Amino acid sequence: MNKKKVTFADIAAYTNFSKTTISRYFNNPDSLTIENQQKIARALDELGYHENKLAKVLANGKSEFVGIIVPNLYLHYYAEMLNQILSTYGEHNYKFLVFVGNNDKEIEQNYINELLAYKIEGLIVLSHTLTSKELASYQIPIVTIERESEYVCGVCTDNYMGGVQATSLLIKNQCSRLIHINADTPRHIPAYGRIQGFEDTCRTNHIPYEVITADFGNTYSSTVEQIQRIFNQIEEMDETRKGIFLSNDTYANIFLNAVIRKYGSLPPNYRIIGFDNSPIASEAILPISTIGQQIEKMVENAMELLVLQMDEMKKRVPKPLEAPIHRQITPILIRRDTTD
């Protein structure tokens, strides 16, 4: 039997069950007794049956695929987040179809339509171009990570706390002027909490501060160009000890490289901290202090919320969530060589 394709008819003949019963085993196993499920499972092993995934999708519309939309992969945070999501296959057995949106709303809408054509069972969204209300209109299980999520389930870091932690560390480093560097961030985006936490902590401690925002573009090269420009701007400030809080570790590493190219090392009048704890922070030429987002824990929570919704959709009479579930993960301060 191992030399030819095993069919439902073969399995039925081997077990003395009807083909209808065999079909129910694959498409609605709860309708069979545990004993009969075990008999069929043993027969599959003995016959060397290899499941036809495509046939199963056509039969019950369940593909075991989850779609992922990320804004880009040049920011190390998104690359590490994607790496962690893909690693959940061993636990949940869902496969992933990944699209990079590059902040283009029309392209992302086309991507979602294509994913729906593949009969995805759920969707993970990290990009910001579509509102959560627009995402909810697709009426499939959705979880967002680190973005606005009023109408869908979401997981994010306590960004405000992270902003306070980063700023407080720079103050403890005796920095007399604090500077926060970030992309243009709307107030409704969770990451705006980093700006708010920075500003509130500076005001509370009566520390001179400045928030520098910019459009960093959609490529690594454009980001490097902007951060070099900002570094040149900061260099023109007085010689006080400057504490630089950057909104992610990629920005922090680029800024650190600009400093070291000019001075050969990190001079005493600069202290630097990033955000995310993506691998680039620990692997930089000088390991960078950062606010750890606990990416693994965020992914664990996101997959738990997504599987909860997808499992419900597999029931004969699914009951949608009464309201979206939102979880916030506590950040962790990680001190390395760019701060005292």
C-alpha atoms as a PDB file:
ATOM      1  CA  MET A   1       0.000   0.000   0.000  1.00  0.00           C
ATOM      2  CA  ASN A   2       2.970   2.337   0.614  1.00  0.00           C
ATOM      3  CA  LYS A   3       3.811   2.303  -3.085  1.00  0.00           C
ATOM      4  CA  LYS A   4       0.550   3.878  -4.211  1.00  0.00           C
ATOM      5  CA  LYS A   5      -1.637   6.721  -3.062  1.00  0.00           C
ATOM      6  CA  VAL A   6      -3.902   5.621  -0.211  1.00  0.00           C
ATOM      7  CA  THR A   7      -7.518   6.690  -0.760  1.00  0.00           C
ATOM      8  CA  PHE A   8     -10.516   7.025   1.524  1.00  0.00           C
ATOM      9  CA  ALA A   9     -11.848   3.822  -0.106  1.00  0.00           C
ATOM     10  CA  ASP A  10      -8.674   1.975   0.919  1.00  0.00           C
ATOM     11  CA  ILE A  11      -9.001   3.191   4.497  1.00  0.00           C
ATOM     12  CA  ALA A  12     -12.694   2.267   4.600  1.00  0.00           C
ATOM     13  CA  ALA A  13     -11.990  -1.251   3.345  1.00  0.00           C
ATOM     14  CA  TYR A  14      -9.134  -1.689   5.832  1.00  0.00           C
ATOM     15  CA  THR A  15     -11.209  -0.557   8.836  1.00  0.00           C
ATOM     16  CA  ASN A  16     -14.642  -1.854   7.778  1.00  0.00           C
ATOM     17  CA  PHE A  17     -16.010   1.678   8.150  1.00  0.00           C
ATOM     18  CA  SER A  18     -17.901   3.516   5.424  1.00  0.00           C
ATOM     19  CA  LYS A  19     -16.221   6.205   3.308  1.00  0.00           C
ATOM     20  CA  THR A  20     -18.603   8.691   4.950  1.00  0.00           C
ATOM     21  CA  THR A  21     -17.227   7.750   8.367  1.00  0.00           C
ATOM     22  CA  ILE A  22     -13.648   8.178   7.123  1.00  0.00           C
ATOM     23  CA  SER A  23     -14.545  11.595   5.732  1.00  0.00           C
ATOM     24  CA  ARG A  24     -16.057  12.578   9.098  1.00  0.00           C
ATOM     25  CA  TYR A  25     -12.782  11.589  10.782  1.00  0.00           C
ATOM     26  CA  PHE A  26     -10.917  14.216   8.745  1.00  0.00           C
ATOM     27  CA  ASN A  27     -13.548  16.952   8.609  1.00  0.00           C
ATOM     28  CA  ASN A  28     -15.574  16.543  11.805  1.00  0.00           C
ATOM     29  CA  PRO A  29     -13.747  14.129  14.157  1.00  0.00           C
ATOM     30  CA  ASP A  30     -15.847  15.121  17.188  1.00  0.00           C
ATOM     31  CA  SER A  31     -18.804  13.356  15.557  1.00  0.00           C
ATOM     32  CA  LEU A  32     -17.023   9.991  16.058  1.00  0.00           C
ATOM     33  CA  THR A  33     -16.377   8.141  19.280  1.00  0.00           C
ATOM     34  CA  ILE A  34     -12.841   8.261  20.683  1.00  0.00           C
ATOM     35  CA  GLU A  35     -12.535   4.515  20.070  1.00  0.00           C
ATOM     36  CA  ASN A  36     -13.393   4.847  16.367  1.00  0.00           C
ATOM     37  CA  GLN A  37     -11.059   7.821  15.986  1.00  0.00           C
ATOM     38  CA  GLN A  38      -8.238   5.706  17.430  1.00  0.00           C
ATOM     39  CA  LYS A  39      -9.016   2.783  15.087  1.00  0.00           C
ATOM     40  CA  ILE A  40      -8.858   5.040  12.039  1.00  0.00           C
ATOM     41  CA  ALA A  41      -5.674   6.751  13.278  1.00  0.00           C
ATOM     42  CA  ARG A  42      -3.963   3.343  13.657  1.00  0.00           C
ATOM     43  CA  ALA A  43      -5.085   2.348  10.183  1.00  0.00           C
ATOM     44  CA  LEU A  44      -3.581   5.522   8.716  1.00  0.00           C
ATOM     45  CA  ASP A  45      -0.206   4.667  10.239  1.00  0.00           C
ATOM     46  CA  GLU A  46      -0.353   1.045   9.087  1.00  0.00           C
ATOM     47  CA  LEU A  47      -1.355   2.022   5.548  1.00  0.00           C
ATOM     48  CA  GLY A  48       1.257   4.775   5.296  1.00  0.00           C
ATOM     49  CA  TYR A  49      -1.366   7.401   4.536  1.00  0.00           C
ATOM     50  CA  HIS A  50      -0.126  10.882   3.583  1.00  0.00           C
ATOM     51  CA  GLU A  51      -2.784  13.533   3.935  1.00  0.00           C
ATOM     52  CA  ASN A  52      -3.656  15.503   0.808  1.00  0.00           C
ATOM     53  CA  LYS A  53      -3.611  19.021   2.219  1.00  0.00           C
ATOM     54  CA  LEU A  54      -5.090  20.596  -0.900  1.00  0.00           C
ATOM     55  CA  ALA A  55      -8.016  18.165  -0.899  1.00  0.00           C
ATOM     56  CA  LYS A  56      -8.644  18.963   2.743  1.00  0.00           C
ATOM     57  CA  VAL A  57      -8.751  22.697   2.016  1.00  0.00           C
ATOM     58  CA  LEU A  58     -11.218  22.135  -0.812  1.00  0.00           C
ATOM     59  CA  ALA A  59     -13.360  19.901   1.396  1.00  0.00           C
ATOM     60  CA  ASN A  60     -13.674  22.034   4.514  1.00  0.00           C
ATOM     61  CA  GLY A  61     -12.229  25.442   3.655  1.00  0.00           C
ATOM     62  CA  LYS A  62      -9.641  25.197   6.458  1.00  0.00           C
ATOM     63  CA  SER A  63      -6.170  25.834   5.112  1.00  0.00           C
ATOM     64  CA  GLU A  64      -4.097  25.924   8.326  1.00  0.00           C
ATOM     65  CA  PHE A  65      -2.562  29.109   6.881  1.00  0.00           C
ATOM     66  CA  VAL A  66      -2.227  32.427   8.697  1.00  0.00           C
ATOM     67  CA  GLY A  67      -1.419  35.653   6.883  1.00  0.00           C
ATOM     68  CA  ILE A  68       1.115  38.174   8.199  1.00  0.00           C
ATOM     69  CA  ILE A  69       1.519  41.774   7.060  1.00  0.00           C
ATOM     70  CA  VAL A  70       4.599  43.682   8.254  1.00  0.00           C
ATOM     71  CA  PRO A  71       5.537  47.256   7.303  1.00  0.00           C
ATOM     72  CA  ASN A  72       9.162  46.404   6.428  1.00  0.00           C
ATOM     73  CA  LEU A  73      12.015  44.087   7.345  1.00  0.00           C
ATOM     74  CA  TYR A  74      14.934  46.529   7.461  1.00  0.00           C
ATOM     75  CA  LEU A  75      14.008  47.505  11.032  1.00  0.00           C
ATOM     76  CA  HIS A  76      15.442  44.718  13.143  1.00  0.00           C
ATOM     77  CA  TYR A  77      12.384  44.730  15.399  1.00  0.00           C
ATOM     78  CA  TYR A  78      10.071  43.538  12.609  1.00  0.00           C
ATOM     79  CA  ALA A  79      12.575  40.924  11.441  1.00  0.00           C
ATOM     80  CA  GLU A  80      12.857  39.494  14.961  1.00  0.00           C
ATOM     81  CA  MET A  81       9.080  39.642  15.477  1.00  0.00           C
ATOM     82  CA  LEU A  82       8.584  37.705  12.229  1.00  0.00           C
ATOM     83  CA  ASN A  83      11.235  35.183  13.253  1.00  0.00           C
ATOM     84  CA  GLN A  84       9.422  34.556  16.545  1.00  0.00           C
ATOM     85  CA  ILE A  85       6.013  34.210  14.847  1.00  0.00           C
ATOM     86  CA  LEU A  86       7.336  31.679  12.323  1.00  0.00           C
ATOM     87  CA  SER A  87       8.889  29.643  15.139  1.00  0.00           C
ATOM     88  CA  THR A  88       5.406  28.929  16.590  1.00  0.00           C
ATOM     89  CA  TYR A  89       4.710  26.366  13.847  1.00  0.00           C
ATOM     90  CA  GLY A  90       5.954  23.543  16.081  1.00  0.00           C
ATOM     91  CA  GLU A  91       3.444  24.425  18.784  1.00  0.00           C
ATOM     92  CA  HIS A  92       0.359  25.447  16.808  1.00  0.00           C
ATOM     93  CA  ASN A  93       0.930  23.768  13.387  1.00  0.00           C
ATOM     94  CA  TYR A  94      -0.134  26.861  11.457  1.00  0.00           C
ATOM     95  CA  LYS A  95       1.841  27.859   8.394  1.00  0.00           C
ATOM     96  CA  PHE A  96       2.368  31.494   7.408  1.00  0.00           C
ATOM     97  CA  LEU A  97       2.083  33.604   4.281  1.00  0.00           C
ATOM     98  CA  VAL A  98       4.060  36.836   4.700  1.00  0.00           C
ATOM     99  CA  PHE A  99       3.652  40.136   2.860  1.00  0.00           C
ATOM    100  CA  VAL A 100       5.635  43.359   3.322  1.00  0.00           C
ATOM    101  CA  GLY A 101       3.386  46.407   2.963  1.00  0.00           C
ATOM    102  CA  ASN A 102       5.919  49.282   2.832  1.00  0.00           C
ATOM    103  CA  ASN A 103       3.247  51.643   4.208  1.00  0.00           C
ATOM    104  CA  ASP A 104       1.145  51.462   1.035  1.00  0.00           C
ATOM    105  CA  LYS A 105      -2.553  51.100   1.873  1.00  0.00           C
ATOM    106  CA  GLU A 106      -3.683  50.000  -1.587  1.00  0.00           C
ATOM    107  CA  ILE A 107      -0.976  47.344  -1.770  1.00  0.00           C
ATOM    108  CA  GLU A 108      -1.893  46.004   1.663  1.00  0.00           C
ATOM    109  CA  GLN A 109      -5.573  45.781   0.700  1.00  0.00           C
ATOM    110  CA  ASN A 110      -4.548  43.781  -2.370  1.00  0.00           C
ATOM    111  CA  TYR A 111      -2.402  41.537  -0.177  1.00  0.00           C
ATOM    112  CA  ILE A 112      -5.311  40.819   2.172  1.00  0.00           C
ATOM    113  CA  ASN A 113      -7.597  39.992  -0.760  1.00  0.00           C
ATOM    114  CA  GLU A 114      -4.974  37.580  -2.048  1.00  0.00           C
ATOM    115  CA  LEU A 115      -4.582  36.009   1.391  1.00  0.00           C
ATOM    116  CA  LEU A 116      -8.353  35.542   1.620  1.00  0.00           C
ATOM    117  CA  ALA A 117      -8.237  33.772  -1.751  1.00  0.00           C
ATOM    118  CA  TYR A 118      -5.815  31.306  -0.141  1.00  0.00           C
ATOM    119  CA  LYS A 119      -8.479  30.695   2.536  1.00  0.00           C
ATOM    120  CA  ILE A 120      -6.310  31.851   5.426  1.00  0.00           C
ATOM    121  CA  GLU A 121      -7.801  31.088   8.823  1.00  0.00           C
ATOM    122  CA  GLY A 122      -6.439  34.198  10.528  1.00  0.00           C
ATOM    123  CA  LEU A 123      -4.359  37.331  10.062  1.00  0.00           C
ATOM    124  CA  ILE A 124      -1.564  38.996  12.050  1.00  0.00           C
ATOM    125  CA  VAL A 125      -1.039  42.676  11.261  1.00  0.00           C
ATOM    126  CA  LEU A 126       1.947  44.779  12.353  1.00  0.00           C
ATOM    127  CA  SER A 127       1.574  47.576   9.797  1.00  0.00           C
ATOM    128  CA  HIS A 128      -0.351  50.782  10.444  1.00  0.00           C
ATOM    129  CA  THR A 129      -1.891  51.703   7.086  1.00  0.00           C
ATOM    130  CA  LEU A 130      -5.331  50.135   7.592  1.00  0.00           C
ATOM    131  CA  THR A 131      -7.421  51.129  10.605  1.00  0.00           C
ATOM    132  CA  SER A 132      -8.614  48.422  12.967  1.00  0.00           C
ATOM    133  CA  LYS A 133     -12.181  49.205  11.863  1.00  0.00           C
ATOM    134  CA  GLU A 134     -11.190  48.439   8.261  1.00  0.00           C
ATOM    135  CA  LEU A 135      -9.456  45.240   9.366  1.00  0.00           C
ATOM    136  CA  ALA A 136     -12.515  44.130  11.355  1.00  0.00           C
ATOM    137  CA  SER A 137     -14.648  44.483   8.214  1.00  0.00           C
ATOM    138  CA  TYR A 138     -12.920  41.416   6.716  1.00  0.00           C
ATOM    139  CA  GLN A 139     -14.672  39.304   9.379  1.00  0.00           C
ATOM    140  CA  ILE A 140     -11.851  36.844   9.970  1.00  0.00           C
ATOM    141  CA  PRO A 141      -9.838  36.211  13.154  1.00  0.00           C
ATOM    142  CA  ILE A 142      -7.285  39.030  13.455  1.00  0.00           C
ATOM    143  CA  VAL A 143      -4.634  40.029  15.973  1.00  0.00           C
ATOM    144  CA  THR A 144      -2.549  43.178  15.677  1.00  0.00           C
ATOM    145  CA  ILE A 145       0.833  43.709  17.309  1.00  0.00           C
ATOM    146  CA  GLU A 146       2.046  47.115  18.499  1.00  0.00           C
ATOM    147  CA  ARG A 147      -0.503  49.223  16.629  1.00  0.00           C
ATOM    148  CA  GLU A 148      -3.979  50.750  16.972  1.00  0.00           C
ATOM    149  CA  SER A 149      -6.474  47.958  17.693  1.00  0.00           C
ATOM    150  CA  GLU A 150      -9.790  49.389  18.889  1.00  0.00           C
ATOM    151  CA  TYR A 151     -11.941  47.028  16.790  1.00  0.00           C
ATOM    152  CA  VAL A 152      -9.760  43.890  16.762  1.00  0.00           C
ATOM    153  CA  CYS A 153      -7.688  41.934  19.257  1.00  0.00           C
ATOM    154  CA  GLY A 154      -4.245  43.361  19.896  1.00  0.00           C
ATOM    155  CA  VAL A 155      -0.998  42.972  21.825  1.00  0.00           C
ATOM    156  CA  CYS A 156       1.374  45.831  22.587  1.00  0.00           C
ATOM    157  CA  THR A 157       4.109  46.893  24.965  1.00  0.00           C
ATOM    158  CA  ASP A 158       3.500  49.379  27.778  1.00  0.00           C
ATOM    159  CA  ASN A 159       5.267  52.032  25.716  1.00  0.00           C
ATOM    160  CA  TYR A 160       4.709  54.794  28.263  1.00  0.00           C
ATOM    161  CA  MET A 161       6.476  52.786  30.953  1.00  0.00           C
ATOM    162  CA  GLY A 162       9.289  52.055  28.491  1.00  0.00           C
ATOM    163  CA  GLY A 163       9.667  55.767  27.778  1.00  0.00           C
ATOM    164  CA  VAL A 164       9.866  56.497  31.510  1.00  0.00           C
ATOM    165  CA  GLN A 165      12.441  53.728  32.041  1.00  0.00           C
ATOM    166  CA  ALA A 166      14.695  54.944  29.225  1.00  0.00           C
ATOM    167  CA  THR A 167      14.525  58.578  30.267  1.00  0.00           C
ATOM    168  CA  SER A 168      15.092  57.815  33.945  1.00  0.00           C
ATOM    169  CA  LEU A 169      18.252  55.859  33.103  1.00  0.00           C
ATOM    170  CA  LEU A 170      19.664  58.782  31.106  1.00  0.00           C
ATOM    171  CA  ILE A 171      18.905  61.128  34.006  1.00  0.00           C
ATOM    172  CA  LYS A 172      20.752  58.753  36.373  1.00  0.00           C
ATOM    173  CA  ASN A 173      23.667  58.946  33.919  1.00  0.00           C
ATOM    174  CA  GLN A 174      23.933  62.661  34.777  1.00  0.00           C
ATOM    175  CA  CYS A 175      22.853  63.773  31.290  1.00  0.00           C
ATOM    176  CA  SER A 176      22.108  67.509  31.304  1.00  0.00           C
ATOM    177  CA  ARG A 177      20.205  67.561  28.014  1.00  0.00           C
ATOM    178  CA  LEU A 178      17.917  64.762  26.820  1.00  0.00           C
ATOM    179  CA  ILE A 179      16.921  64.159  23.219  1.00  0.00           C
ATOM    180  CA  HIS A 180      14.349  61.690  21.901  1.00  0.00           C
ATOM    181  CA  ILE A 181      14.512  60.673  18.213  1.00  0.00           C
ATOM    182  CA  ASN A 182      11.403  59.135  16.665  1.00  0.00           C
ATOM    183  CA  ALA A 183       9.447  58.875  13.425  1.00  0.00           C
ATOM    184  CA  ASP A 184       6.364  61.067  13.012  1.00  0.00           C
ATOM    185  CA  THR A 185       4.005  59.152  15.332  1.00  0.00           C
ATOM    186  CA  PRO A 186       0.277  59.923  15.659  1.00  0.00           C
ATOM    187  CA  ARG A 187      -1.077  60.044  19.198  1.00  0.00           C
ATOM    188  CA  HIS A 188      -3.414  57.066  18.674  1.00  0.00           C
ATOM    189  CA  ILE A 189      -0.500  54.739  17.869  1.00  0.00           C
ATOM    190  CA  PRO A 190       0.735  52.797  20.958  1.00  0.00           C
ATOM    191  CA  ALA A 191       4.359  53.775  20.264  1.00  0.00           C
ATOM    192  CA  TYR A 192       3.439  57.412  20.939  1.00  0.00           C
ATOM    193  CA  GLY A 193       3.632  56.398  24.602  1.00  0.00           C
ATOM    194  CA  ARG A 194       7.432  56.441  24.251  1.00  0.00           C
ATOM    195  CA  ILE A 195       7.300  60.155  23.438  1.00  0.00           C
ATOM    196  CA  GLN A 196       4.793  60.877  26.198  1.00  0.00           C
ATOM    197  CA  GLY A 197       6.775  58.953  28.807  1.00  0.00           C
ATOM    198  CA  PHE A 198       9.950  60.784  27.765  1.00  0.00           C
ATOM    199  CA  GLU A 199       8.372  64.237  27.948  1.00  0.00           C
ATOM    200  CA  ASP A 200       6.597  63.643  31.270  1.00  0.00           C
ATOM    201  CA  THR A 201       9.748  62.315  32.924  1.00  0.00           C
ATOM    202  CA  CYS A 202      11.842  65.246  31.686  1.00  0.00           C
ATOM    203  CA  ARG A 203       9.276  67.760  32.955  1.00  0.00           C
ATOM    204  CA  THR A 204       8.966  66.035  36.322  1.00  0.00           C
ATOM    205  CA  ASN A 205      12.742  66.144  36.793  1.00  0.00           C
ATOM    206  CA  HIS A 206      13.155  69.640  35.295  1.00  0.00           C
ATOM    207  CA  ILE A 207      15.616  68.393  32.662  1.00  0.00           C
ATOM    208  CA  PRO A 208      16.024  70.339  29.373  1.00  0.00           C
ATOM    209  CA  TYR A 209      14.804  68.145  26.544  1.00  0.00           C
ATOM    210  CA  GLU A 210      13.968  68.040  22.862  1.00  0.00           C
ATOM    211  CA  VAL A 211      11.914  65.650  20.721  1.00  0.00           C
ATOM    212  CA  ILE A 212      13.220  65.297  17.168  1.00  0.00           C
ATOM    213  CA  THR A 213      10.840  63.599  14.722  1.00  0.00           C
ATOM    214  CA  ALA A 214      11.459  62.927  11.038  1.00  0.00           C
ATOM    215  CA  ASP A 215      10.276  60.966   8.030  1.00  0.00           C
ATOM    216  CA  PHE A 216      12.823  58.153   7.774  1.00  0.00           C
ATOM    217  CA  GLY A 217      11.420  56.797   4.498  1.00  0.00           C
ATOM    218  CA  ASN A 218      10.907  53.143   3.642  1.00  0.00           C
ATOM    219  CA  THR A 219      14.500  51.989   3.192  1.00  0.00           C
ATOM    220  CA  TYR A 220      17.558  51.433   5.339  1.00  0.00           C
ATOM    221  CA  SER A 221      19.602  53.910   3.296  1.00  0.00           C
ATOM    222  CA  SER A 222      17.061  56.710   3.764  1.00  0.00           C
ATOM    223  CA  THR A 223      17.024  55.981   7.498  1.00  0.00           C
ATOM    224  CA  VAL A 224      20.821  56.198   7.700  1.00  0.00           C
ATOM    225  CA  GLU A 225      20.756  59.504   5.825  1.00  0.00           C
ATOM    226  CA  GLN A 226      18.170  61.028   8.182  1.00  0.00           C
ATOM    227  CA  ILE A 227      19.923  59.884  11.358  1.00  0.00           C
ATOM    228  CA  GLN A 228      23.252  61.222  10.111  1.00  0.00           C
ATOM    229  CA  ARG A 229      21.526  64.572   9.523  1.00  0.00           C
ATOM    230  CA  ILE A 230      20.075  64.493  13.043  1.00  0.00           C
ATOM    231  CA  PHE A 231      23.477  63.576  14.502  1.00  0.00           C
ATOM    232  CA  ASN A 232      25.037  66.568  12.736  1.00  0.00           C
ATOM    233  CA  GLN A 233      22.280  68.755  14.186  1.00  0.00           C
ATOM    234  CA  ILE A 234      22.928  67.453  17.711  1.00  0.00           C
ATOM    235  CA  GLU A 235      26.668  67.967  17.304  1.00  0.00           C
ATOM    236  CA  GLU A 236      26.040  71.695  16.932  1.00  0.00           C
ATOM    237  CA  MET A 237      24.496  71.848  20.412  1.00  0.00           C
ATOM    238  CA  ASP A 238      26.623  72.841  23.390  1.00  0.00           C
ATOM    239  CA  GLU A 239      29.064  70.419  24.987  1.00  0.00           C
ATOM    240  CA  THR A 240      26.783  69.285  27.785  1.00  0.00           C
ATOM    241  CA  ARG A 241      26.361  65.561  28.371  1.00  0.00           C
ATOM    242  CA  LYS A 242      23.647  64.497  25.953  1.00  0.00           C
ATOM    243  CA  GLY A 243      21.346  61.580  26.646  1.00  0.00           C
ATOM    244  CA  ILE A 244      19.952  60.189  23.380  1.00  0.00           C
ATOM    245  CA  PHE A 245      16.822  58.019  23.522  1.00  0.00           C
ATOM    246  CA  LEU A 246      16.005  56.503  20.122  1.00  0.00           C
ATOM    247  CA  SER A 247      12.660  54.879  19.368  1.00  0.00           C
ATOM    248  CA  ASN A 248      14.131  51.558  18.199  1.00  0.00           C
ATOM    249  CA  ASP A 249      17.402  49.649  18.223  1.00  0.00           C
ATOM    250  CA  THR A 250      18.021  50.039  14.491  1.00  0.00           C
ATOM    251  CA  TYR A 251      17.996  53.830  14.873  1.00  0.00           C
ATOM    252  CA  ALA A 252      20.172  53.525  17.989  1.00  0.00           C
ATOM    253  CA  ASN A 253      22.756  51.406  16.180  1.00  0.00           C
ATOM    254  CA  ILE A 254      22.933  53.813  13.225  1.00  0.00           C
ATOM    255  CA  PHE A 255      23.342  56.765  15.624  1.00  0.00           C
ATOM    256  CA  LEU A 256      26.037  54.914  17.595  1.00  0.00           C
ATOM    257  CA  ASN A 257      27.925  54.180  14.368  1.00  0.00           C
ATOM    258  CA  ALA A 258      27.816  57.891  13.451  1.00  0.00           C
ATOM    259  CA  VAL A 259      29.272  58.799  16.847  1.00  0.00           C
ATOM    260  CA  ILE A 260      32.034  56.183  16.680  1.00  0.00           C
ATOM    261  CA  ARG A 261      32.963  57.118  13.099  1.00  0.00           C
ATOM    262  CA  LYS A 262      33.608  60.667  14.306  1.00  0.00           C
ATOM    263  CA  TYR A 263      35.217  60.004  17.690  1.00  0.00           C
ATOM    264  CA  GLY A 264      36.609  56.450  17.415  1.00  0.00           C
ATOM    265  CA  SER A 265      34.705  55.449  20.571  1.00  0.00           C
ATOM    266  CA  LEU A 266      31.706  56.585  22.602  1.00  0.00           C
ATOM    267  CA  PRO A 267      32.793  59.871  24.205  1.00  0.00           C
ATOM    268  CA  PRO A 268      31.734  60.767  27.774  1.00  0.00           C
ATOM    269  CA  ASN A 269      29.389  63.513  26.528  1.00  0.00           C
ATOM    270  CA  TYR A 270      27.077  60.949  24.848  1.00  0.00           C
ATOM    271  CA  ARG A 271      24.865  58.312  26.419  1.00  0.00           C
ATOM    272  CA  ILE A 272      22.545  56.242  24.194  1.00  0.00           C
ATOM    273  CA  ILE A 273      19.556  53.963  24.730  1.00  0.00           C
ATOM    274  CA  GLY A 274      17.304  52.251  22.185  1.00  0.00           C
ATOM    275  CA  PHE A 275      14.007  50.370  22.315  1.00  0.00           C
ATOM    276  CA  ASP A 276      12.938  46.785  21.430  1.00  0.00           C
ATOM    277  CA  ASN A 277      15.905  44.599  22.455  1.00  0.00           C
ATOM    278  CA  SER A 278      16.149  43.249  18.932  1.00  0.00           C
ATOM    279  CA  PRO A 279      19.407  41.305  18.221  1.00  0.00           C
ATOM    280  CA  ILE A 280      21.177  44.350  16.754  1.00  0.00           C
ATOM    281  CA  ALA A 281      21.291  45.946  20.241  1.00  0.00           C
ATOM    282  CA  SER A 282      23.416  43.193  21.784  1.00  0.00           C
ATOM    283  CA  GLU A 283      25.470  42.592  18.621  1.00  0.00           C
ATOM    284  CA  ALA A 284      26.378  46.248  17.929  1.00  0.00           C
ATOM    285  CA  ILE A 285      30.027  47.295  17.914  1.00  0.00           C
ATOM    286  CA  LEU A 286      29.292  48.589  21.418  1.00  0.00           C
ATOM    287  CA  PRO A 287      26.338  46.718  22.979  1.00  0.00           C
ATOM    288  CA  ILE A 288      23.444  49.168  23.283  1.00  0.00           C
ATOM    289  CA  SER A 289      21.286  49.751  26.350  1.00  0.00           C
ATOM    290  CA  THR A 290      17.654  49.267  25.427  1.00  0.00           C
ATOM    291  CA  ILE A 291      14.083  48.792  26.590  1.00  0.00           C
ATOM    292  CA  GLY A 292      13.195  45.148  26.015  1.00  0.00           C
ATOM    293  CA  GLN A 293       9.760  44.594  24.510  1.00  0.00           C
ATOM    294  CA  GLN A 294       9.773  40.893  25.430  1.00  0.00           C
ATOM    295  CA  ILE A 295       9.101  40.021  21.789  1.00  0.00           C
ATOM    296  CA  GLU A 296       8.775  36.289  22.493  1.00  0.00           C
ATOM    297  CA  LYS A 297       6.103  36.973  25.114  1.00  0.00           C
ATOM    298  CA  MET A 298       4.251  39.340  22.754  1.00  0.00           C
ATOM    299  CA  VAL A 299       4.166  36.664  20.052  1.00  0.00           C
ATOM    300  CA  GLU A 300       3.020  34.040  22.553  1.00  0.00           C
ATOM    301  CA  ASN A 301       0.079  36.242  23.551  1.00  0.00           C
ATOM    302  CA  ALA A 302      -0.732  37.170  19.944  1.00  0.00           C
ATOM    303  CA  MET A 303      -0.858  33.530  18.834  1.00  0.00           C
ATOM    304  CA  GLU A 304      -2.952  32.597  21.876  1.00  0.00           C
ATOM    305  CA  LEU A 305      -5.537  35.251  20.960  1.00  0.00           C
ATOM    306  CA  LEU A 306      -5.507  34.274  17.294  1.00  0.00           C
ATOM    307  CA  VAL A 307      -5.852  30.529  17.940  1.00  0.00           C
ATOM    308  CA  LEU A 308      -8.684  31.261  20.378  1.00  0.00           C
ATOM    309  CA  GLN A 309     -10.598  32.972  17.573  1.00  0.00           C
ATOM    310  CA  MET A 310      -9.698  30.420  14.898  1.00  0.00           C
ATOM    311  CA  ASP A 311     -10.715  27.480  17.083  1.00  0.00           C
ATOM    312  CA  GLU A 312     -14.087  29.143  17.676  1.00  0.00           C
ATOM    313  CA  MET A 313     -14.604  29.503  13.920  1.00  0.00           C
ATOM    314  CA  LYS A 314     -14.147  25.722  13.520  1.00  0.00           C
ATOM    315  CA  LYS A 315     -17.208  24.999  15.666  1.00  0.00           C
ATOM    316  CA  ARG A 316     -20.571  24.185  14.119  1.00  0.00           C
ATOM    317  CA  VAL A 317     -22.099  27.333  15.622  1.00  0.00           C
ATOM    318  CA  PRO A 318     -19.222  29.759  16.267  1.00  0.00           C
ATOM    319  CA  LYS A 319     -19.706  32.554  18.779  1.00  0.00           C
ATOM    320  CA  PRO A 320     -17.595  35.633  17.988  1.00  0.00           C
ATOM    321  CA  LEU A 321     -15.932  37.481  20.855  1.00  0.00           C
ATOM    322  CA  GLU A 322     -18.250  39.934  22.567  1.00  0.00           C
ATOM    323  CA  ALA A 323     -15.451  42.524  22.463  1.00  0.00           C
ATOM    324  CA  PRO A 324     -11.840  42.560  21.238  1.00  0.00           C
ATOM    325  CA  ILE A 325      -9.246  41.386  23.764  1.00  0.00           C
ATOM    326  CA  HIS A 326      -6.240  43.635  24.346  1.00  0.00           C
ATOM    327  CA  ARG A 327      -3.087  42.676  26.212  1.00  0.00           C
ATOM    328  CA  GLN A 328      -0.233  44.903  27.302  1.00  0.00           C
ATOM    329  CA  ILE A 329       3.237  43.499  27.997  1.00  0.00           C
ATOM    330  CA  THR A 330       5.541  45.114  30.559  1.00  0.00           C
ATOM    331  CA  PRO A 331       8.904  46.259  29.124  1.00  0.00           C
ATOM    332  CA  ILE A 332      12.252  45.468  30.741  1.00  0.00           C
ATOM    333  CA  LEU A 333      15.198  47.873  31.070  1.00  0.00           C
ATOM    334  CA  ILE A 334      18.411  46.306  29.790  1.00  0.00           C
ATOM    335  CA  ARG A 335      21.664  48.126  30.614  1.00  0.00           C
ATOM    336  CA  ARG A 336      24.633  47.681  28.333  1.00  0.00           C
ATOM    337  CA  ASP A 337      27.764  49.618  27.369  1.00  0.00           C
ATOM    338  CA  THR A 338      26.172  52.810  25.976  1.00  0.00           C
ATOM    339  CA  THR A 339      25.049  53.949  29.444  1.00  0.00           C
ATOM    340  CA  ASP A 340      26.811  53.963  32.809  1.00  0.00           C
END
